[in-house]
Each structure stands twice: as structure tokens, then as C-alpha cells.
């Protein structure tokens, strides 16, 4: 079985990757919202090829990130006091 230190290192790496993913997800949402606003309020419509696409196409993506972070909290070993 893996020791506690290795597990903590792995959990930190997973958490870091999840946070990077959340930040990227937020940026995609920002770009999609900005494009929609410009399209709605512009007299010239942008080329359809420039339409940003949602990477997952799923409405529950943020919930998947939250669930993964919650699971990491449950996996993290208790610190001895």
C-alpha cells in the first residue's frame, strides 16, 4: 500500500490539475458569453467558423469539477496532531 506522503503528493497534483481545468472552463465560458453579446448587438454577424464551441457541451461540467474536488477532500489522509 502507498504511504501517506505519496498519497498527499498525488492529491495535491490532482487538485492543481482540477483548478487549472476550472480556470480554463471559466475562460471558455467568458469567451462564449462575449461572443454571444457581440453577435447579439452587432450589425455585422461574425463568420460561423469563429463561433467558440463549448468543450464539453454539457450543462453539468462545473458540478463534475466540484464533485472531483469533494472526493479529493474525502481521500486526503488526516493529519496527525
PDB file of N, CA and C in Angstrom:
ATOM      1  N   UNK A   1       0.838  -1.186   0.000  1.00  0.00           N
ATOM      2  CA  UNK A   1       0.000   0.000   0.000  1.00  0.00           C
ATOM      3  C   UNK A   1       0.880   1.246   0.000  1.00  0.00           C
ATOM      4  N   UNK A   2       0.388   2.276  -0.637  1.00  0.00           N
ATOM      5  CA  UNK A   2       1.145   3.524  -0.750  1.00  0.00           C
ATOM      6  C   UNK A   2       1.216   4.229   0.596  1.00  0.00           C
ATOM      7  N   UNK A   3       2.316   4.925   0.803  1.00  0.00           N
ATOM      8  CA  UNK A   3       2.412   5.643   2.072  1.00  0.00           C
ATOM      9  C   UNK A   3       1.657   6.970   1.994  1.00  0.00           C
ATOM     10  N   UNK A   4       1.424   7.556   3.149  1.00  0.00           N
ATOM     11  CA  UNK A   4       0.623   8.768   3.265  1.00  0.00           C
ATOM     12  C   UNK A   4       1.236   9.927   2.499  1.00  0.00           C
ATOM     13  N   UNK A   5       2.552  10.051   2.533  1.00  0.00           N
ATOM     14  CA  UNK A   5       3.220  11.148   1.832  1.00  0.00           C
ATOM     15  C   UNK A   5       2.956  11.087   0.332  1.00  0.00           C
ATOM     16  N   UNK A   6       3.107   9.904  -0.270  1.00  0.00           N
ATOM     17  CA  UNK A   6       2.854   9.752  -1.710  1.00  0.00           C
ATOM     18  C   UNK A   6       1.411  10.084  -2.053  1.00  0.00           C
ATOM     19  N   UNK A   7       0.481   9.664  -1.215  1.00  0.00           N
ATOM     20  CA  UNK A   7      -0.926   9.966  -1.439  1.00  0.00           C
ATOM     21  C   UNK A   7      -1.169  11.470  -1.387  1.00  0.00           C
ATOM     22  N   UNK A   8      -0.561  12.153  -0.436  1.00  0.00           N
ATOM     23  CA  UNK A   8      -0.722  13.601  -0.333  1.00  0.00           C
ATOM     24  C   UNK A   8      -0.154  14.306  -1.564  1.00  0.00           C
ATOM     25  N   UNK A   9       0.989  13.848  -2.050  1.00  0.00           N
ATOM     26  CA  UNK A   9       1.595  14.434  -3.250  1.00  0.00           C
ATOM     27  C   UNK A   9       0.662  14.250  -4.450  1.00  0.00           C
ATOM     28  N   UNK A  10       0.122  13.047  -4.602  1.00  0.00           N
ATOM     29  CA  UNK A  10      -0.795  12.774  -5.708  1.00  0.00           C
ATOM     30  C   UNK A  10      -2.057  13.631  -5.614  1.00  0.00           C
ATOM     31  N   UNK A  11      -2.601  13.757  -4.422  1.00  0.00           N
ATOM     32  CA  UNK A  11      -3.815  14.554  -4.230  1.00  0.00           C
ATOM     33  C   UNK A  11      -3.545  16.014  -4.572  1.00  0.00           C
ATOM     34  N   UNK A  12      -2.398  16.540  -4.149  1.00  0.00           N
ATOM     35  CA  UNK A  12      -2.056  17.927  -4.491  1.00  0.00           C
ATOM     36  C   UNK A  12      -1.952  18.109  -6.003  1.00  0.00           C
ATOM     37  N   UNK A  13      -1.343  17.146  -6.688  1.00  0.00           N
ATOM     38  CA  UNK A  13      -1.195  17.235  -8.145  1.00  0.00           C
ATOM     39  C   UNK A  13      -2.566  17.189  -8.829  1.00  0.00           C
ATOM     40  N   UNK A  14      -3.437  16.322  -8.369  1.00  0.00           N
ATOM     41  CA  UNK A  14      -4.787  16.226  -8.941  1.00  0.00           C
ATOM     42  C   UNK A  14      -5.550  17.516  -8.686  1.00  0.00           C
ATOM     43  N   UNK A  15      -5.459  18.035  -7.465  1.00  0.00           N
ATOM     44  CA  UNK A  15      -6.155  19.281  -7.126  1.00  0.00           C
ATOM     45  C   UNK A  15      -5.655  20.430  -8.014  1.00  0.00           C
ATOM     46  N   UNK A  16      -4.338  20.504  -8.220  1.00  0.00           N
ATOM     47  CA  UNK A  16      -3.766  21.547  -9.080  1.00  0.00           C
ATOM     48  C   UNK A  16      -4.310  21.432 -10.507  1.00  0.00           C
ATOM     49  N   UNK A  17      -4.365  20.206 -11.019  1.00  0.00           N
ATOM     50  CA  UNK A  17      -4.892  19.996 -12.368  1.00  0.00           C
ATOM     51  C   UNK A  17      -6.370  20.380 -12.452  1.00  0.00           C
ATOM     52  N   UNK A  18      -7.140  20.043 -11.424  1.00  0.00           N
ATOM     53  CA  UNK A  18      -8.559  20.418 -11.404  1.00  0.00           C
ATOM     54  C   UNK A  18      -8.734  21.931 -11.383  1.00  0.00           C
ATOM     55  N   UNK A  19      -7.904  22.618 -10.617  1.00  0.00           N
ATOM     56  CA  UNK A  19      -8.007  24.076 -10.550  1.00  0.00           C
ATOM     57  C   UNK A  19      -7.627  24.724 -11.879  1.00  0.00           C
ATOM     58  N   UNK A  20      -6.626  24.176 -12.556  1.00  0.00           N
ATOM     59  CA  UNK A  20      -6.281  24.663 -13.891  1.00  0.00           C
ATOM     60  C   UNK A  20      -7.465  24.440 -14.836  1.00  0.00           C
ATOM     61  N   UNK A  21      -8.067  23.256 -14.746  1.00  0.00           N
ATOM     62  CA  UNK A  21      -9.234  22.961 -15.581  1.00  0.00           C
ATOM     63  C   UNK A  21     -10.392  23.900 -15.304  1.00  0.00           C
ATOM     64  N   UNK A  22     -10.627  24.205 -14.044  1.00  0.00           N
ATOM     65  CA  UNK A  22     -11.699  25.145 -13.689  1.00  0.00           C
ATOM     66  C   UNK A  22     -11.427  26.533 -14.255  1.00  0.00           C
ATOM     67  N   UNK A  23     -10.174  26.970 -14.164  1.00  0.00           N
ATOM     68  CA  UNK A  23      -9.823  28.278 -14.705  1.00  0.00           C
ATOM     69  C   UNK A  23     -10.017  28.309 -16.218  1.00  0.00           C
ATOM     70  N   UNK A  24      -9.617  27.252 -16.900  1.00  0.00           N
ATOM     71  CA  UNK A  24      -9.809  27.159 -18.356  1.00  0.00           C
ATOM     72  C   UNK A  24     -11.294  27.133 -18.701  1.00  0.00           C
ATOM     73  N   UNK A  25     -12.064  26.377 -17.923  1.00  0.00           N
ATOM     74  CA  UNK A  25     -13.505  26.311 -18.143  1.00  0.00           C
ATOM     75  C   UNK A  25     -14.125  27.697 -18.005  1.00  0.00           C
ATOM     76  N   UNK A  26     -13.710  28.442 -16.988  1.00  0.00           N
ATOM     77  CA  UNK A  26     -14.214  29.803 -16.800  1.00  0.00           C
ATOM     78  C   UNK A  26     -13.869  30.700 -17.973  1.00  0.00           C
ATOM     79  N   UNK A  27     -12.662  30.555 -18.518  1.00  0.00           N
ATOM     80  CA  UNK A  27     -12.260  31.365 -19.671  1.00  0.00           C
ATOM     81  C   UNK A  27     -13.089  31.014 -20.901  1.00  0.00           C
ATOM     82  N   UNK A  28     -13.357  29.738 -21.114  1.00  0.00           N
ATOM     83  CA  UNK A  28     -14.208  29.337 -22.241  1.00  0.00           C
ATOM     84  C   UNK A  28     -15.597  29.948 -22.086  1.00  0.00           C
ATOM     85  N   UNK A  29     -16.149  29.891 -20.879  1.00  0.00           N
ATOM     86  CA  UNK A  29     -17.460  30.493 -20.632  1.00  0.00           C
ATOM     87  C   UNK A  29     -17.436  31.995 -20.920  1.00  0.00           C
ATOM     88  N   UNK A  30     -16.364  32.672 -20.510  1.00  0.00           N
ATOM     89  CA  UNK A  30     -16.238  34.108 -20.746  1.00  0.00           C
ATOM     90  C   UNK A  30     -16.207  34.414 -22.247  1.00  0.00           C
ATOM     91  N   UNK A  31     -15.430  33.647 -23.003  1.00  0.00           N
ATOM     92  CA  UNK A  31     -15.322  33.868 -24.452  1.00  0.00           C
ATOM     93  C   UNK A  31     -16.669  33.607 -25.135  1.00  0.00           C
ATOM     94  N   UNK A  32     -17.346  32.537 -24.748  1.00  0.00           N
ATOM     95  CA  UNK A  32     -18.654  32.223 -25.336  1.00  0.00           C
ATOM     96  C   UNK A  32     -19.651  33.332 -25.032  1.00  0.00           C
ATOM     97  N   UNK A  33     -19.678  33.808 -23.777  1.00  0.00           N
ATOM     98  CA  UNK A  33     -20.597  34.889 -23.405  1.00  0.00           C
ATOM     99  C   UNK A  33     -20.287  36.171 -24.163  1.00  0.00           C
ATOM    100  N   UNK A  34     -19.011  36.506 -24.280  1.00  0.00           N
ATOM    101  CA  UNK A  34     -18.607  37.726 -25.004  1.00  0.00           C
ATOM    102  C   UNK A  34     -18.995  37.619 -26.470  1.00  0.00           C
ATOM    103  N   UNK A  35     -18.766  36.476 -27.078  1.00  0.00           N
ATOM    104  CA  UNK A  35     -19.126  36.275 -28.483  1.00  0.00           C
ATOM    105  C   UNK A  35     -20.635  36.413 -28.669  1.00  0.00           C
ATOM    106  N   UNK A  36     -21.408  35.830 -27.771  1.00  0.00           N
ATOM    107  CA  UNK A  36     -22.869  35.915 -27.860  1.00  0.00           C
ATOM    108  C   UNK A  36     -23.332  37.357 -27.730  1.00  0.00           C
ATOM    109  N   UNK A  37     -22.723  38.126 -26.810  1.00  0.00           N
ATOM    110  CA  UNK A  37     -23.094  39.517 -26.631  1.00  0.00           C
ATOM    111  C   UNK A  37     -22.751  40.340 -27.868  1.00  0.00           C
ATOM    112  N   UNK A  38     -21.559  40.144 -28.415  1.00  0.00           N
ATOM    113  CA  UNK A  38     -21.163  40.889 -29.615  1.00  0.00           C
ATOM    114  C   UNK A  38     -22.035  40.517 -30.807  1.00  0.00           C
ATOM    115  N   UNK A  39     -22.369  39.252 -30.927  1.00  0.00           N
ATOM    116  CA  UNK A  39     -23.226  38.806 -32.027  1.00  0.00           C
ATOM    117  C   UNK A  39     -24.619  39.416 -31.915  1.00  0.00           C
ATOM    118  N   UNK A  40     -25.146  39.463 -30.706  1.00  0.00           N
ATOM    119  CA  UNK A  40     -26.495  39.987 -30.495  1.00  0.00           C
ATOM    120  C   UNK A  40     -26.574  41.491 -30.733  1.00  0.00           C
ATOM    121  N   UNK A  41     -25.494  42.209 -30.482  1.00  0.00           N
ATOM    122  CA  UNK A  41     -25.535  43.674 -30.552  1.00  0.00           C
ATOM    123  C   UNK A  41     -24.762  44.252 -31.723  1.00  0.00           C
ATOM    124  N   UNK A  42     -24.372  43.436 -32.664  1.00  0.00           N
ATOM    125  CA  UNK A  42     -23.602  43.897 -33.814  1.00  0.00           C
ATOM    126  C   UNK A  42     -24.441  43.825 -35.075  1.00  0.00           C
ATOM    127  N   UNK A  43     -24.239  44.814 -35.946  1.00  0.00           N
ATOM    128  CA  UNK A  43     -24.975  44.786 -37.218  1.00  0.00           C
ATOM    129  C   UNK A  43     -24.337  43.811 -38.200  1.00  0.00           C
ATOM    130  N   UNK A  44     -23.055  43.537 -38.023  1.00  0.00           N
ATOM    131  CA  UNK A  44     -22.392  42.548 -38.869  1.00  0.00           C
ATOM    132  C   UNK A  44     -22.200  41.265 -38.072  1.00  0.00           C
ATOM    133  N   UNK A  45     -22.672  40.195 -38.615  1.00  0.00           N
ATOM    134  CA  UNK A  45     -22.584  38.898 -37.934  1.00  0.00           C
ATOM    135  C   UNK A  45     -21.237  38.250 -38.230  1.00  0.00           C
ATOM    136  N   UNK A  46     -20.569  37.715 -37.199  1.00  0.00           N
ATOM    137  CA  UNK A  46     -19.260  37.081 -37.419  1.00  0.00           C
ATOM    138  C   UNK A  46     -19.393  35.789 -38.222  1.00  0.00           C
ATOM    139  N   UNK A  47     -18.291  35.424 -38.836  1.00  0.00           N
ATOM    140  CA  UNK A  47     -18.230  34.170 -39.581  1.00  0.00           C
ATOM    141  C   UNK A  47     -18.567  33.020 -38.639  1.00  0.00           C
ATOM    142  N   UNK A  48     -19.377  32.092 -39.112  1.00  0.00           N
ATOM    143  CA  UNK A  48     -19.805  30.945 -38.298  1.00  0.00           C
ATOM    144  C   UNK A  48     -18.611  30.122 -37.820  1.00  0.00           C
ATOM    145  N   UNK A  49     -17.513  30.113 -38.560  1.00  0.00           N
ATOM    146  CA  UNK A  49     -16.328  29.355 -38.157  1.00  0.00           C
ATOM    147  C   UNK A  49     -15.654  29.962 -36.921  1.00  0.00           C
ATOM    148  N   UNK A  50     -15.956  31.220 -36.615  1.00  0.00           N
ATOM    149  CA  UNK A  50     -15.357  31.877 -35.457  1.00  0.00           C
ATOM    150  C   UNK A  50     -16.183  31.697 -34.195  1.00  0.00           C
ATOM    151  N   UNK A  51     -17.280  30.967 -34.294  1.00  0.00           N
ATOM    152  CA  UNK A  51     -18.138  30.736 -33.138  1.00  0.00           C
ATOM    153  C   UNK A  51     -17.441  29.801 -32.155  1.00  0.00           C
ATOM    154  N   UNK A  52     -17.168  30.275 -30.912  1.00  0.00           N
ATOM    155  CA  UNK A  52     -16.496  29.384 -29.950  1.00  0.00           C
ATOM    156  C   UNK A  52     -17.407  28.238 -29.535  1.00  0.00           C
ATOM    157  N   UNK A  53     -16.826  27.066 -29.422  1.00  0.00           N
ATOM    158  CA  UNK A  53     -17.590  25.885 -29.039  1.00  0.00           C
ATOM    159  C   UNK A  53     -17.286  25.506 -27.604  1.00  0.00           C
ATOM    160  N   UNK A  54     -18.297  25.059 -26.915  1.00  0.00           N
ATOM    161  CA  UNK A  54     -18.106  24.609 -25.538  1.00  0.00           C
ATOM    162  C   UNK A  54     -17.378  23.266 -25.584  1.00  0.00           C
ATOM    163  N   UNK A  55     -16.311  23.099 -24.789  1.00  0.00           N
ATOM    164  CA  UNK A  55     -15.513  21.870 -24.896  1.00  0.00           C
ATOM    165  C   UNK A  55     -16.250  20.599 -24.472  1.00  0.00           C
ATOM    166  N   UNK A  56     -17.215  20.713 -23.563  1.00  0.00           N
ATOM    167  CA  UNK A  56     -17.926  19.513 -23.130  1.00  0.00           C
ATOM    168  C   UNK A  56     -19.330  19.450 -23.693  1.00  0.00           C
ATOM    169  N   UNK A  57     -19.928  20.597 -23.916  1.00  0.00           N
ATOM    170  CA  UNK A  57     -21.308  20.628 -24.390  1.00  0.00           C
ATOM    171  C   UNK A  57     -22.306  20.177 -23.339  1.00  0.00           C
ATOM    172  N   UNK A  58     -21.833  20.002 -22.106  1.00  0.00           N
ATOM    173  CA  UNK A  58     -22.690  19.507 -21.036  1.00  0.00           C
ATOM    174  C   UNK A  58     -22.978  20.623 -20.028  1.00  0.00           C
ATOM    175  N   UNK A  59     -24.208  20.712 -19.550  1.00  0.00           N
ATOM    176  CA  UNK A  59     -24.544  21.774 -18.605  1.00  0.00           C
ATOM    177  C   UNK A  59     -24.027  21.520 -17.191  1.00  0.00           C
ATOM    178  N   UNK A  60     -23.587  20.306 -16.899  1.00  0.00           N
ATOM    179  CA  UNK A  60     -23.183  19.974 -15.530  1.00  0.00           C
ATOM    180  C   UNK A  60     -21.666  19.933 -15.325  1.00  0.00           C
ATOM    181  N   UNK A  61     -20.907  20.540 -16.232  1.00  0.00           N
ATOM    182  CA  UNK A  61     -19.449  20.486 -16.152  1.00  0.00           C
ATOM    183  C   UNK A  61     -18.933  21.035 -14.824  1.00  0.00           C
ATOM    184  N   UNK A  62     -19.450  22.146 -14.371  1.00  0.00           N
ATOM    185  CA  UNK A  62     -18.976  22.744 -13.119  1.00  0.00           C
ATOM    186  C   UNK A  62     -19.251  21.801 -11.950  1.00  0.00           C
ATOM    187  N   UNK A  63     -20.356  21.087 -12.004  1.00  0.00           N
ATOM    188  CA  UNK A  63     -20.677  20.115 -10.961  1.00  0.00           C
ATOM    189  C   UNK A  63     -19.711  18.945 -10.945  1.00  0.00           C
ATOM    190  N   UNK A  64     -19.223  18.554 -12.107  1.00  0.00           N
ATOM    191  CA  UNK A  64     -18.241  17.468 -12.192  1.00  0.00           C
ATOM    192  C   UNK A  64     -16.935  17.903 -11.516  1.00  0.00           C
ATOM    193  N   UNK A  65     -16.505  19.141 -11.786  1.00  0.00           N
ATOM    194  CA  UNK A  65     -15.314  19.671 -11.119  1.00  0.00           C
ATOM    195  C   UNK A  65     -15.516  19.704  -9.601  1.00  0.00           C
ATOM    196  N   UNK A  66     -16.659  20.213  -9.162  1.00  0.00           N
ATOM    197  CA  UNK A  66     -16.939  20.315  -7.723  1.00  0.00           C
ATOM    198  C   UNK A  66     -16.942  18.934  -7.073  1.00  0.00           C
ATOM    199  N   UNK A  67     -17.537  17.958  -7.735  1.00  0.00           N
ATOM    200  CA  UNK A  67     -17.580  16.609  -7.188  1.00  0.00           C
ATOM    201  C   UNK A  67     -16.173  16.016  -7.072  1.00  0.00           C
ATOM    202  N   UNK A  68     -15.342  16.250  -8.076  1.00  0.00           N
ATOM    203  CA  UNK A  68     -13.968  15.733  -8.030  1.00  0.00           C
ATOM    204  C   UNK A  68     -13.198  16.361  -6.876  1.00  0.00           C
ATOM    205  N   UNK A  69     -13.353  17.661  -6.668  1.00  0.00           N
ATOM    206  CA  UNK A  69     -12.684  18.312  -5.540  1.00  0.00           C
ATOM    207  C   UNK A  69     -13.204  17.789  -4.208  1.00  0.00           C
ATOM    208  N   UNK A  70     -14.511  17.536  -4.137  1.00  0.00           N
ATOM    209  CA  UNK A  70     -15.112  16.991  -2.913  1.00  0.00           C
ATOM    210  C   UNK A  70     -14.554  15.590  -2.622  1.00  0.00           C
ATOM    211  N   UNK A  71     -14.419  14.773  -3.656  1.00  0.00           N
ATOM    212  CA  UNK A  71     -13.855  13.434  -3.483  1.00  0.00           C
ATOM    213  C   UNK A  71     -12.414  13.496  -2.986  1.00  0.00           C
ATOM    214  N   UNK A  72     -11.643  14.467  -3.491  1.00  0.00           N
ATOM    215  CA  UNK A  72     -10.266  14.615  -3.026  1.00  0.00           C
ATOM    216  C   UNK A  72     -10.224  14.941  -1.536  1.00  0.00           C
ATOM    217  N   UNK A  73     -11.160  15.759  -1.087  1.00  0.00           N
ATOM    218  CA  UNK A  73     -11.217  16.091   0.336  1.00  0.00           C
ATOM    219  C   UNK A  73     -11.427  14.832   1.169  1.00  0.00           C
ATOM    220  N   UNK A  74     -12.249  13.919   0.673  1.00  0.00           N
ATOM    221  CA  UNK A  74     -12.515  12.677   1.399  1.00  0.00           C
ATOM    222  C   UNK A  74     -11.347  11.694   1.330  1.00  0.00           C
ATOM    223  N   UNK A  75     -10.520  11.786   0.294  1.00  0.00           N
ATOM    224  CA  UNK A  75      -9.383  10.885   0.137  1.00  0.00           C
ATOM    225  C   UNK A  75      -8.171  11.316   0.932  1.00  0.00           C
ATOM    226  N   UNK A  76      -8.097  12.617   1.225  1.00  0.00           N
ATOM    227  CA  UNK A  76      -6.906  13.157   1.876  1.00  0.00           C
ATOM    228  C   UNK A  76      -6.752  12.573   3.279  1.00  0.00           C
ATOM    229  N   UNK A  77      -5.574  12.072   3.578  1.00  0.00           N
ATOM    230  CA  UNK A  77      -5.356  11.489   4.910  1.00  0.00           C
ATOM    231  C   UNK A  77      -5.431  12.559   5.995  1.00  0.00           C
ATOM    232  N   UNK A  78      -5.910  12.156   7.153  1.00  0.00           N
ATOM    233  CA  UNK A  78      -5.985  13.053   8.304  1.00  0.00           C
ATOM    234  C   UNK A  78      -4.560  13.368   8.773  1.00  0.00           C
ATOM    235  N   UNK A  79      -4.324  14.597   9.135  1.00  0.00           N
ATOM    236  CA  UNK A  79      -3.026  14.986   9.662  1.00  0.00           C
ATOM    237  C   UNK A  79      -3.001  14.680  11.160  1.00  0.00           C
ATOM    238  N   UNK A  80      -1.978  13.946  11.579  1.00  0.00           N
ATOM    239  CA  UNK A  80      -1.855  13.597  13.000  1.00  0.00           C
ATOM    240  C   UNK A  80      -1.518  14.831  13.816  1.00  0.00           C
ATOM    241  N   UNK A  81      -2.152  14.960  14.974  1.00  0.00           N
ATOM    242  CA  UNK A  81      -1.906  16.131  15.808  1.00  0.00           C
ATOM    243  C   UNK A  81      -1.142  15.779  17.046  1.00  0.00           C
TER     244      UNK A  81
END
